[in-house]
Amino acid sequence: MESRKIDDQIRSYYAQQRPPAEISARIKQMIRVGAPPSRRRVLYGTIAAAIAVVVAATLWWGQTPQAISAAVARQAAIGHNEKAELEFRVRQCAELQSRMKSLDFTPVEPAMMQEMHMHIVGARYATLAGEIAAQIVYVDEHGVPCTLYEVRPAEKLSRIVSGDHQVDGLRISMWKEKGLVMVLARAAS
């Protein structure tokens, strides 16, 4: 799968969105006619704008928690596979607390990482579902890297479902811990 920047993904997504055919036809007719706006036309325009707002809100908020979780899993897999350069090289998670000053939360080391005998390598700033996140790279005792995203549970992220997803040969685990959403991307075993 070809990795694409989040900006390109967003542009592609919105380029594919279309209003209903009836609305498009009315708008095209209004453009062709070019007559001064009548009360009826203003009313239709207001109704069309209201419908557009409802459709946009439905697309944004109407996603199920499972759909949101699947989208976050895909984004985490892409971020893991990009292997972007780390901004901060550290030996302990506590070092990130003082170095990643642009975060609106304090990075923490999840209990799972200690149980799995993972060692932190470093981190960088990232986004996950449109929210600022810490993208933290760990390695296991065999040197196999995994990517942990930590992010505040704002907006859509508050609705994710804890569990595992399989994406591009990776196991993506999601859970909430210490007031944060955790998303771990690692090779499927």
N, C-alpha and C. Protein backbone atom coordinates (compact mmCIF):
# COMPACT_ATOMS: atom_id res chain seq x y z
N MET A 1 0.84 -1.18 0.00
CA MET A 1 0.00 0.00 0.00
C MET A 1 0.88 1.24 0.00
N GLU A 2 0.58 2.15 -0.85
CA GLU A 2 1.37 3.38 -0.95
C GLU A 2 0.99 4.30 0.20
N SER A 3 2.01 4.77 0.94
CA SER A 3 1.71 5.66 2.06
C SER A 3 1.52 7.07 1.51
N ARG A 4 0.53 7.75 2.10
CA ARG A 4 0.23 9.11 1.68
C ARG A 4 0.15 9.98 2.92
N LYS A 5 0.49 11.24 2.73
CA LYS A 5 0.42 12.18 3.83
C LYS A 5 -1.04 12.41 4.20
N ILE A 6 -1.26 12.76 5.46
CA ILE A 6 -2.62 12.97 5.95
C ILE A 6 -3.32 14.07 5.16
N ASP A 7 -2.59 15.12 4.76
CA ASP A 7 -3.21 16.20 3.96
C ASP A 7 -3.74 15.65 2.65
N ASP A 8 -2.97 14.78 1.99
CA ASP A 8 -3.43 14.18 0.73
C ASP A 8 -4.64 13.30 0.96
N GLN A 9 -4.66 12.56 2.07
CA GLN A 9 -5.79 11.70 2.38
C GLN A 9 -7.05 12.54 2.61
N ILE A 10 -6.91 13.64 3.34
CA ILE A 10 -8.06 14.50 3.62
C ILE A 10 -8.58 15.13 2.33
N ARG A 11 -7.67 15.64 1.49
CA ARG A 11 -8.10 16.22 0.21
C ARG A 11 -8.83 15.18 -0.63
N SER A 12 -8.29 13.97 -0.69
CA SER A 12 -8.90 12.90 -1.47
C SER A 12 -10.29 12.57 -0.93
N TYR A 13 -10.41 12.49 0.38
CA TYR A 13 -11.70 12.16 0.98
C TYR A 13 -12.75 13.20 0.62
N TYR A 14 -12.44 14.50 0.82
CA TYR A 14 -13.42 15.53 0.55
C TYR A 14 -13.66 15.73 -0.95
N ALA A 15 -12.70 15.39 -1.78
CA ALA A 15 -12.91 15.49 -3.22
C ALA A 15 -13.93 14.47 -3.68
N GLN A 16 -14.06 13.38 -2.94
CA GLN A 16 -15.01 12.33 -3.30
C GLN A 16 -16.42 12.62 -2.78
N GLN A 17 -16.56 13.60 -1.89
CA GLN A 17 -17.87 13.90 -1.33
C GLN A 17 -18.66 14.75 -2.32
N ARG A 18 -19.90 14.39 -2.50
CA ARG A 18 -20.77 15.10 -3.43
C ARG A 18 -22.13 15.34 -2.77
N PRO A 19 -22.76 16.49 -3.06
CA PRO A 19 -24.13 16.70 -2.57
C PRO A 19 -25.08 15.82 -3.37
N PRO A 20 -26.29 15.61 -2.88
CA PRO A 20 -27.26 14.82 -3.63
C PRO A 20 -27.48 15.41 -5.03
N ALA A 21 -27.82 14.56 -5.99
CA ALA A 21 -28.00 14.99 -7.39
C ALA A 21 -29.04 16.09 -7.51
N GLU A 22 -30.12 16.02 -6.74
CA GLU A 22 -31.18 17.03 -6.81
C GLU A 22 -30.63 18.41 -6.43
N ILE A 23 -29.83 18.46 -5.39
CA ILE A 23 -29.25 19.74 -4.95
C ILE A 23 -28.30 20.26 -6.01
N SER A 24 -27.46 19.38 -6.57
CA SER A 24 -26.52 19.80 -7.62
C SER A 24 -27.28 20.35 -8.82
N ALA A 25 -28.36 19.69 -9.21
CA ALA A 25 -29.15 20.15 -10.36
C ALA A 25 -29.74 21.53 -10.09
N ARG A 26 -30.27 21.74 -8.89
CA ARG A 26 -30.85 23.05 -8.55
C ARG A 26 -29.79 24.15 -8.56
N ILE A 27 -28.64 23.84 -8.02
CA ILE A 27 -27.56 24.84 -7.98
C ILE A 27 -27.13 25.19 -9.40
N LYS A 28 -26.96 24.17 -10.27
CA LYS A 28 -26.57 24.43 -11.66
C LYS A 28 -27.64 25.26 -12.38
N GLN A 29 -28.90 24.95 -12.12
CA GLN A 29 -29.98 25.71 -12.74
C GLN A 29 -29.94 27.16 -12.26
N MET A 30 -29.70 27.37 -10.98
CA MET A 30 -29.64 28.73 -10.45
C MET A 30 -28.48 29.51 -11.07
N ILE A 31 -27.38 28.83 -11.33
CA ILE A 31 -26.23 29.49 -11.95
C ILE A 31 -26.55 29.87 -13.39
N ARG A 32 -27.21 28.96 -14.13
CA ARG A 32 -27.56 29.25 -15.54
C ARG A 32 -28.57 30.38 -15.66
N VAL A 33 -29.57 30.40 -14.82
CA VAL A 33 -30.63 31.39 -14.92
C VAL A 33 -30.11 32.79 -14.64
N GLY A 34 -29.34 32.94 -13.60
CA GLY A 34 -28.74 34.24 -13.29
C GLY A 34 -29.73 35.32 -12.91
N ALA A 35 -30.97 34.98 -12.60
CA ALA A 35 -31.98 35.96 -12.22
C ALA A 35 -31.71 36.47 -10.81
N PRO A 36 -32.20 37.68 -10.50
CA PRO A 36 -32.00 38.19 -9.14
C PRO A 36 -32.69 37.26 -8.13
N PRO A 37 -32.13 37.14 -6.95
CA PRO A 37 -32.70 36.22 -5.98
C PRO A 37 -34.11 36.61 -5.55
N SER A 38 -35.00 35.64 -5.62
CA SER A 38 -36.37 35.86 -5.15
C SER A 38 -36.46 35.28 -3.75
N ARG A 39 -37.59 35.54 -3.08
CA ARG A 39 -37.77 34.97 -1.74
C ARG A 39 -37.71 33.45 -1.80
N ARG A 40 -38.31 32.92 -2.85
CA ARG A 40 -38.33 31.46 -3.01
C ARG A 40 -36.91 30.92 -3.20
N ARG A 41 -36.13 31.61 -4.03
CA ARG A 41 -34.75 31.18 -4.28
C ARG A 41 -33.92 31.30 -3.02
N VAL A 42 -34.09 32.37 -2.25
CA VAL A 42 -33.38 32.53 -0.99
C VAL A 42 -33.76 31.41 -0.03
N LEU A 43 -35.05 31.06 -0.01
CA LEU A 43 -35.51 29.97 0.84
C LEU A 43 -34.85 28.66 0.42
N TYR A 44 -34.83 28.40 -0.89
CA TYR A 44 -34.18 27.17 -1.39
C TYR A 44 -32.69 27.16 -1.06
N GLY A 45 -32.04 28.30 -1.20
CA GLY A 45 -30.62 28.39 -0.87
C GLY A 45 -30.37 28.12 0.61
N THR A 46 -31.23 28.66 1.45
CA THR A 46 -31.11 28.43 2.89
C THR A 46 -31.32 26.96 3.21
N ILE A 47 -32.31 26.37 2.58
CA ILE A 47 -32.57 24.94 2.80
C ILE A 47 -31.39 24.11 2.30
N ALA A 48 -30.86 24.46 1.14
CA ALA A 48 -29.70 23.72 0.60
C ALA A 48 -28.50 23.84 1.54
N ALA A 49 -28.27 25.03 2.08
CA ALA A 49 -27.15 25.22 3.01
C ALA A 49 -27.37 24.40 4.28
N ALA A 50 -28.60 24.38 4.78
CA ALA A 50 -28.90 23.60 5.98
C ALA A 50 -28.69 22.11 5.72
N ILE A 51 -29.11 21.64 4.55
CA ILE A 51 -28.91 20.24 4.20
C ILE A 51 -27.42 19.93 4.12
N ALA A 52 -26.64 20.82 3.53
CA ALA A 52 -25.20 20.61 3.42
C ALA A 52 -24.56 20.51 4.81
N VAL A 53 -25.00 21.36 5.73
CA VAL A 53 -24.46 21.32 7.09
C VAL A 53 -24.83 20.00 7.77
N VAL A 54 -26.07 19.56 7.60
CA VAL A 54 -26.50 18.30 8.20
C VAL A 54 -25.72 17.12 7.61
N VAL A 55 -25.52 17.11 6.29
CA VAL A 55 -24.76 16.03 5.65
C VAL A 55 -23.32 16.03 6.16
N ALA A 56 -22.70 17.19 6.24
CA ALA A 56 -21.32 17.27 6.73
C ALA A 56 -21.24 16.81 8.19
N ALA A 57 -22.18 17.24 9.01
CA ALA A 57 -22.18 16.82 10.41
C ALA A 57 -22.39 15.32 10.53
N THR A 58 -23.26 14.77 9.70
CA THR A 58 -23.51 13.33 9.73
C THR A 58 -22.26 12.58 9.32
N LEU A 59 -21.56 13.05 8.29
CA LEU A 59 -20.33 12.39 7.88
C LEU A 59 -19.29 12.45 8.99
N TRP A 60 -19.21 13.58 9.69
CA TRP A 60 -18.18 13.76 10.72
C TRP A 60 -18.55 13.02 12.00
N TRP A 61 -19.76 13.25 12.51
CA TRP A 61 -20.15 12.69 13.80
C TRP A 61 -20.92 11.39 13.67
N GLY A 62 -21.45 11.08 12.51
CA GLY A 62 -22.30 9.93 12.35
C GLY A 62 -21.55 8.62 12.24
N GLN A 63 -20.25 8.65 12.30
CA GLN A 63 -19.50 7.41 12.20
C GLN A 63 -19.68 6.59 13.47
N THR A 64 -19.78 5.30 13.30
CA THR A 64 -19.89 4.42 14.46
C THR A 64 -18.55 4.33 15.16
N PRO A 65 -18.55 3.96 16.43
CA PRO A 65 -17.28 3.78 17.14
C PRO A 65 -16.38 2.75 16.44
N GLN A 66 -16.99 1.71 15.85
CA GLN A 66 -16.19 0.71 15.14
C GLN A 66 -15.53 1.31 13.90
N ALA A 67 -16.26 2.16 13.19
CA ALA A 67 -15.69 2.80 11.99
C ALA A 67 -14.56 3.75 12.38
N ILE A 68 -14.75 4.48 13.47
CA ILE A 68 -13.71 5.38 13.94
C ILE A 68 -12.47 4.57 14.33
N SER A 69 -12.68 3.48 15.06
CA SER A 69 -11.56 2.62 15.48
C SER A 69 -10.81 2.06 14.27
N ALA A 70 -11.55 1.61 13.26
CA ALA A 70 -10.92 1.06 12.05
C ALA A 70 -10.11 2.13 11.33
N ALA A 71 -10.64 3.36 11.26
CA ALA A 71 -9.91 4.45 10.60
C ALA A 71 -8.64 4.80 11.38
N VAL A 72 -8.73 4.82 12.70
CA VAL A 72 -7.55 5.12 13.53
C VAL A 72 -6.52 4.00 13.37
N ALA A 73 -6.99 2.75 13.28
CA ALA A 73 -6.06 1.62 13.09
C ALA A 73 -5.32 1.76 11.76
N ARG A 74 -6.03 2.14 10.70
CA ARG A 74 -5.38 2.33 9.39
C ARG A 74 -4.35 3.45 9.46
N GLN A 75 -4.69 4.55 10.13
CA GLN A 75 -3.76 5.67 10.24
C GLN A 75 -2.53 5.26 11.05
N ALA A 76 -2.71 4.49 12.12
CA ALA A 76 -1.58 4.04 12.93
C ALA A 76 -0.68 3.11 12.13
N ALA A 77 -1.27 2.25 11.31
CA ALA A 77 -0.47 1.34 10.47
C ALA A 77 0.37 2.13 9.47
N ILE A 78 -0.24 3.13 8.86
CA ILE A 78 0.49 3.96 7.90
C ILE A 78 1.65 4.67 8.60
N GLY A 79 1.38 5.25 9.76
CA GLY A 79 2.43 5.94 10.52
C GLY A 79 3.55 5.01 10.93
N HIS A 80 3.22 3.80 11.33
CA HIS A 80 4.25 2.83 11.72
C HIS A 80 5.10 2.45 10.51
N ASN A 81 4.45 2.21 9.38
CA ASN A 81 5.18 1.79 8.17
C ASN A 81 6.02 2.91 7.55
N GLU A 82 5.68 4.16 7.81
CA GLU A 82 6.46 5.28 7.26
C GLU A 82 7.86 5.35 7.86
N LYS A 83 7.99 4.93 9.10
CA LYS A 83 9.27 4.97 9.81
C LYS A 83 9.90 6.36 9.73
N ALA A 84 9.10 7.36 10.07
CA ALA A 84 9.55 8.75 10.03
C ALA A 84 10.65 8.99 11.06
N GLU A 85 11.48 9.95 10.77
CA GLU A 85 12.60 10.28 11.66
C GLU A 85 12.10 10.75 13.01
N LEU A 86 12.75 10.31 14.06
CA LEU A 86 12.37 10.68 15.42
C LEU A 86 12.94 12.06 15.76
N GLU A 87 12.15 12.87 16.42
CA GLU A 87 12.60 14.20 16.84
C GLU A 87 13.33 14.15 18.17
N PHE A 88 12.98 13.18 19.01
CA PHE A 88 13.53 13.08 20.35
C PHE A 88 14.06 11.67 20.59
N ARG A 89 15.34 11.55 20.85
CA ARG A 89 15.94 10.26 21.23
C ARG A 89 16.00 10.22 22.75
N VAL A 90 15.44 9.18 23.36
CA VAL A 90 15.39 9.09 24.81
C VAL A 90 15.65 7.66 25.27
N ARG A 91 15.94 7.51 26.55
CA ARG A 91 16.16 6.19 27.15
C ARG A 91 15.00 5.80 28.07
N GLN A 92 14.24 6.81 28.52
CA GLN A 92 13.11 6.58 29.40
C GLN A 92 11.95 7.46 28.98
N CYS A 93 10.74 6.95 29.18
CA CYS A 93 9.55 7.71 28.82
C CYS A 93 9.47 9.02 29.59
N ALA A 94 9.95 9.03 30.82
CA ALA A 94 9.91 10.25 31.64
C ALA A 94 10.63 11.41 30.97
N GLU A 95 11.62 11.13 30.14
CA GLU A 95 12.35 12.20 29.45
C GLU A 95 11.45 12.94 28.46
N LEU A 96 10.45 12.24 27.92
CA LEU A 96 9.54 12.89 26.96
C LEU A 96 8.70 13.96 27.63
N GLN A 97 8.41 13.79 28.91
CA GLN A 97 7.59 14.75 29.63
C GLN A 97 8.20 16.14 29.60
N SER A 98 9.52 16.22 29.68
CA SER A 98 10.17 17.53 29.66
C SER A 98 10.55 17.99 28.25
N ARG A 99 10.64 17.07 27.31
CA ARG A 99 11.11 17.43 25.97
C ARG A 99 9.98 17.71 24.98
N MET A 100 8.84 17.06 25.14
CA MET A 100 7.73 17.25 24.20
C MET A 100 6.78 18.30 24.78
N LYS A 101 7.20 19.54 24.72
CA LYS A 101 6.47 20.64 25.37
C LYS A 101 5.22 21.09 24.62
N SER A 102 5.09 20.72 23.35
CA SER A 102 3.92 21.16 22.58
C SER A 102 2.70 20.27 22.78
N LEU A 103 2.85 19.20 23.51
CA LEU A 103 1.70 18.32 23.78
C LEU A 103 0.80 18.95 24.83
N ASP A 104 -0.49 18.70 24.73
CA ASP A 104 -1.42 19.21 25.74
C ASP A 104 -1.75 18.12 26.77
N PHE A 105 -0.85 17.16 26.89
CA PHE A 105 -0.96 16.09 27.88
C PHE A 105 0.46 15.64 28.22
N THR A 106 0.58 14.82 29.24
CA THR A 106 1.89 14.30 29.65
C THR A 106 2.03 12.87 29.17
N PRO A 107 3.04 12.58 28.33
CA PRO A 107 3.24 11.20 27.88
C PRO A 107 3.55 10.29 29.07
N VAL A 108 2.99 9.10 29.03
CA VAL A 108 3.22 8.11 30.09
C VAL A 108 3.59 6.78 29.45
N GLU A 109 4.25 5.94 30.23
CA GLU A 109 4.58 4.61 29.72
C GLU A 109 3.49 3.65 30.14
N PRO A 110 2.81 3.03 29.19
CA PRO A 110 1.75 2.08 29.54
C PRO A 110 2.32 0.83 30.22
N ALA A 111 1.53 0.24 31.07
CA ALA A 111 1.95 -0.97 31.77
C ALA A 111 2.31 -2.07 30.78
N MET A 112 1.61 -2.15 29.66
CA MET A 112 1.84 -3.19 28.65
C MET A 112 3.29 -3.17 28.14
N MET A 113 3.86 -1.99 28.00
CA MET A 113 5.21 -1.90 27.44
C MET A 113 6.23 -2.54 28.39
N GLN A 114 6.05 -2.35 29.67
CA GLN A 114 6.95 -2.97 30.64
C GLN A 114 6.75 -4.48 30.66
N GLU A 115 5.48 -4.93 30.61
CA GLU A 115 5.18 -6.36 30.61
C GLU A 115 5.77 -7.07 29.39
N MET A 116 5.83 -6.36 28.27
CA MET A 116 6.34 -6.94 27.03
C MET A 116 7.86 -6.76 26.90
N HIS A 117 8.50 -6.19 27.92
CA HIS A 117 9.95 -5.95 27.92
C HIS A 117 10.38 -5.09 26.74
N MET A 118 9.61 -4.06 26.47
CA MET A 118 9.91 -3.12 25.40
C MET A 118 10.81 -2.01 25.95
N HIS A 119 11.69 -1.50 25.09
CA HIS A 119 12.59 -0.41 25.46
C HIS A 119 12.33 0.76 24.52
N ILE A 120 12.18 1.93 25.11
CA ILE A 120 11.89 3.13 24.32
C ILE A 120 13.13 3.57 23.55
N VAL A 121 12.89 4.04 22.31
CA VAL A 121 13.97 4.54 21.46
C VAL A 121 13.86 6.05 21.32
N GLY A 122 12.64 6.51 21.06
CA GLY A 122 12.45 7.95 20.87
C GLY A 122 11.03 8.25 20.46
N ALA A 123 10.80 9.52 20.10
CA ALA A 123 9.44 9.94 19.77
C ALA A 123 9.46 11.11 18.81
N ARG A 124 8.28 11.41 18.31
CA ARG A 124 8.08 12.56 17.46
C ARG A 124 6.64 13.02 17.64
N TYR A 125 6.38 14.25 17.21
CA TYR A 125 5.01 14.74 17.19
C TYR A 125 4.30 14.14 15.99
N ALA A 126 3.02 13.85 16.16
CA ALA A 126 2.20 13.31 15.07
C ALA A 126 0.77 13.75 15.31
N THR A 127 -0.11 13.35 14.41
CA THR A 127 -1.53 13.55 14.63
C THR A 127 -2.22 12.20 14.47
N LEU A 128 -3.30 12.05 15.19
CA LEU A 128 -4.11 10.85 15.11
C LEU A 128 -5.56 11.31 15.16
N ALA A 129 -6.29 11.02 14.11
CA ALA A 129 -7.69 11.46 13.99
C ALA A 129 -7.80 12.98 14.18
N GLY A 130 -6.82 13.70 13.67
CA GLY A 130 -6.85 15.16 13.72
C GLY A 130 -6.40 15.77 15.03
N GLU A 131 -5.97 14.95 15.98
CA GLU A 131 -5.52 15.45 17.28
C GLU A 131 -4.01 15.29 17.40
N ILE A 132 -3.37 16.22 18.11
CA ILE A 132 -1.92 16.12 18.31
C ILE A 132 -1.63 14.89 19.17
N ALA A 133 -0.60 14.16 18.78
CA ALA A 133 -0.27 12.91 19.46
C ALA A 133 1.25 12.79 19.61
N ALA A 134 1.64 11.93 20.52
CA ALA A 134 3.04 11.53 20.64
C ALA A 134 3.15 10.19 19.92
N GLN A 135 4.03 10.11 18.95
CA GLN A 135 4.31 8.85 18.25
C GLN A 135 5.63 8.35 18.83
N ILE A 136 5.56 7.29 19.62
CA ILE A 136 6.70 6.80 20.39
C ILE A 136 7.13 5.45 19.83
N VAL A 137 8.42 5.31 19.57
CA VAL A 137 8.95 4.05 19.03
C VAL A 137 9.63 3.26 20.15
N TYR A 138 9.24 2.00 20.24
CA TYR A 138 9.84 1.05 21.18
C TYR A 138 10.44 -0.09 20.36
N VAL A 139 11.35 -0.85 20.98
CA VAL A 139 11.85 -2.08 20.37
C VAL A 139 11.76 -3.19 21.41
N ASP A 140 11.50 -4.42 20.91
CA ASP A 140 11.46 -5.55 21.84
C ASP A 140 12.86 -6.11 22.03
N GLU A 141 12.97 -7.20 22.78
CA GLU A 141 14.30 -7.76 23.07
C GLU A 141 15.00 -8.30 21.84
N HIS A 142 14.26 -8.48 20.72
CA HIS A 142 14.85 -8.94 19.46
C HIS A 142 15.14 -7.79 18.51
N GLY A 143 14.90 -6.56 18.95
CA GLY A 143 15.16 -5.39 18.12
C GLY A 143 14.05 -5.06 17.15
N VAL A 144 12.88 -5.70 17.29
CA VAL A 144 11.75 -5.45 16.39
C VAL A 144 11.01 -4.20 16.90
N PRO A 145 10.87 -3.19 16.03
CA PRO A 145 10.23 -1.94 16.48
C PRO A 145 8.70 -2.05 16.51
N CYS A 146 8.12 -1.27 17.39
CA CYS A 146 6.67 -1.07 17.39
C CYS A 146 6.44 0.42 17.63
N THR A 147 5.26 0.88 17.27
CA THR A 147 4.94 2.29 17.37
C THR A 147 3.75 2.47 18.29
N LEU A 148 3.91 3.30 19.29
CA LEU A 148 2.85 3.61 20.24
C LEU A 148 2.41 5.05 20.02
N TYR A 149 1.12 5.24 19.83
CA TYR A 149 0.56 6.59 19.76
C TYR A 149 -0.14 6.86 21.08
N GLU A 150 0.10 8.03 21.65
CA GLU A 150 -0.60 8.49 22.83
C GLU A 150 -1.28 9.80 22.47
N VAL A 151 -2.55 9.91 22.82
CA VAL A 151 -3.32 11.09 22.44
C VAL A 151 -4.46 11.29 23.44
N ARG A 152 -4.86 12.52 23.62
CA ARG A 152 -6.01 12.81 24.49
C ARG A 152 -7.28 12.30 23.81
N PRO A 153 -8.24 11.81 24.60
CA PRO A 153 -9.47 11.28 24.01
C PRO A 153 -10.47 12.38 23.66
N ALA A 154 -10.08 13.27 22.76
CA ALA A 154 -10.93 14.38 22.35
C ALA A 154 -11.71 13.99 21.10
N GLU A 155 -12.84 14.66 20.90
CA GLU A 155 -13.67 14.49 19.70
C GLU A 155 -13.92 13.02 19.39
N LYS A 156 -13.55 12.58 18.20
CA LYS A 156 -13.82 11.22 17.75
C LYS A 156 -13.09 10.17 18.60
N LEU A 157 -11.89 10.51 19.05
CA LEU A 157 -11.08 9.52 19.77
C LEU A 157 -11.72 9.06 21.07
N SER A 158 -12.62 9.85 21.62
CA SER A 158 -13.28 9.43 22.86
C SER A 158 -14.22 8.27 22.59
N ARG A 159 -14.53 8.02 21.32
CA ARG A 159 -15.50 6.97 20.96
C ARG A 159 -14.85 5.69 20.43
N ILE A 160 -13.52 5.59 20.45
CA ILE A 160 -12.91 4.37 19.93
C ILE A 160 -13.24 3.19 20.82
N VAL A 161 -13.20 2.02 20.20
CA VAL A 161 -13.49 0.77 20.90
C VAL A 161 -12.17 0.08 21.19
N SER A 162 -11.96 -0.29 22.45
CA SER A 162 -10.75 -1.03 22.81
C SER A 162 -10.76 -2.38 22.11
N GLY A 163 -9.58 -2.79 21.64
CA GLY A 163 -9.48 -4.08 20.98
C GLY A 163 -8.36 -4.08 19.96
N ASP A 164 -8.28 -5.15 19.19
CA ASP A 164 -7.23 -5.33 18.20
C ASP A 164 -7.78 -5.30 16.78
N HIS A 165 -6.96 -4.82 15.87
CA HIS A 165 -7.27 -4.78 14.43
C HIS A 165 -6.07 -5.34 13.68
N GLN A 166 -6.31 -5.93 12.53
CA GLN A 166 -5.24 -6.39 11.65
C GLN A 166 -5.23 -5.47 10.42
N VAL A 167 -4.11 -4.79 10.20
CA VAL A 167 -3.99 -3.86 9.07
C VAL A 167 -2.61 -4.03 8.46
N ASP A 168 -2.54 -4.32 7.19
CA ASP A 168 -1.26 -4.42 6.45
C ASP A 168 -0.24 -5.31 7.16
N GLY A 169 -0.68 -6.44 7.69
CA GLY A 169 0.23 -7.35 8.37
C GLY A 169 0.64 -6.90 9.75
N LEU A 170 -0.01 -5.88 10.27
CA LEU A 170 0.29 -5.37 11.61
C LEU A 170 -0.88 -5.65 12.54
N ARG A 171 -0.54 -5.79 13.80
CA ARG A 171 -1.56 -5.89 14.84
C ARG A 171 -1.65 -4.52 15.48
N ILE A 172 -2.82 -3.92 15.43
CA ILE A 172 -3.05 -2.60 16.01
C ILE A 172 -3.94 -2.80 17.24
N SER A 173 -3.40 -2.48 18.40
CA SER A 173 -4.14 -2.60 19.66
C SER A 173 -4.53 -1.21 20.13
N MET A 174 -5.77 -1.08 20.61
CA MET A 174 -6.26 0.21 21.11
C MET A 174 -6.85 0.02 22.49
N TRP A 175 -6.55 0.97 23.38
CA TRP A 175 -7.13 0.95 24.70
C TRP A 175 -6.98 2.34 25.32
N LYS A 176 -7.63 2.53 26.46
CA LYS A 176 -7.51 3.78 27.20
C LYS A 176 -6.81 3.47 28.51
N GLU A 177 -5.83 4.30 28.85
CA GLU A 177 -5.06 4.10 30.06
C GLU A 177 -4.57 5.46 30.56
N LYS A 178 -4.68 5.68 31.85
CA LYS A 178 -4.18 6.90 32.50
C LYS A 178 -4.72 8.16 31.83
N GLY A 179 -5.98 8.10 31.41
CA GLY A 179 -6.64 9.26 30.81
C GLY A 179 -6.28 9.53 29.36
N LEU A 180 -5.54 8.63 28.73
CA LEU A 180 -5.14 8.80 27.33
C LEU A 180 -5.63 7.63 26.48
N VAL A 181 -5.72 7.88 25.19
CA VAL A 181 -5.96 6.81 24.23
C VAL A 181 -4.61 6.30 23.80
N MET A 182 -4.43 4.99 23.85
CA MET A 182 -3.19 4.33 23.43
C MET A 182 -3.48 3.50 22.19
N VAL A 183 -2.62 3.63 21.18
CA VAL A 183 -2.74 2.84 19.95
C VAL A 183 -1.36 2.28 19.65
N LEU A 184 -1.24 0.96 19.68
CA LEU A 184 0.05 0.29 19.50
C LEU A 184 0.04 -0.48 18.19
N ALA A 185 0.99 -0.15 17.31
CA ALA A 185 1.16 -0.86 16.02
C ALA A 185 2.42 -1.70 16.10
N ARG A 186 2.26 -3.00 15.81
CA ARG A 186 3.41 -3.92 15.86
C ARG A 186 3.18 -5.06 14.89
N ALA A 187 4.26 -5.77 14.59
CA ALA A 187 4.16 -6.90 13.68
C ALA A 187 3.19 -7.93 14.25
N ALA A 188 2.33 -8.45 13.39
CA ALA A 188 1.40 -9.50 13.84
C ALA A 188 2.17 -10.76 14.13
N SER A 189 1.86 -11.40 15.26
CA SER A 189 2.57 -12.63 15.61
C SER A 189 1.81 -13.84 15.18
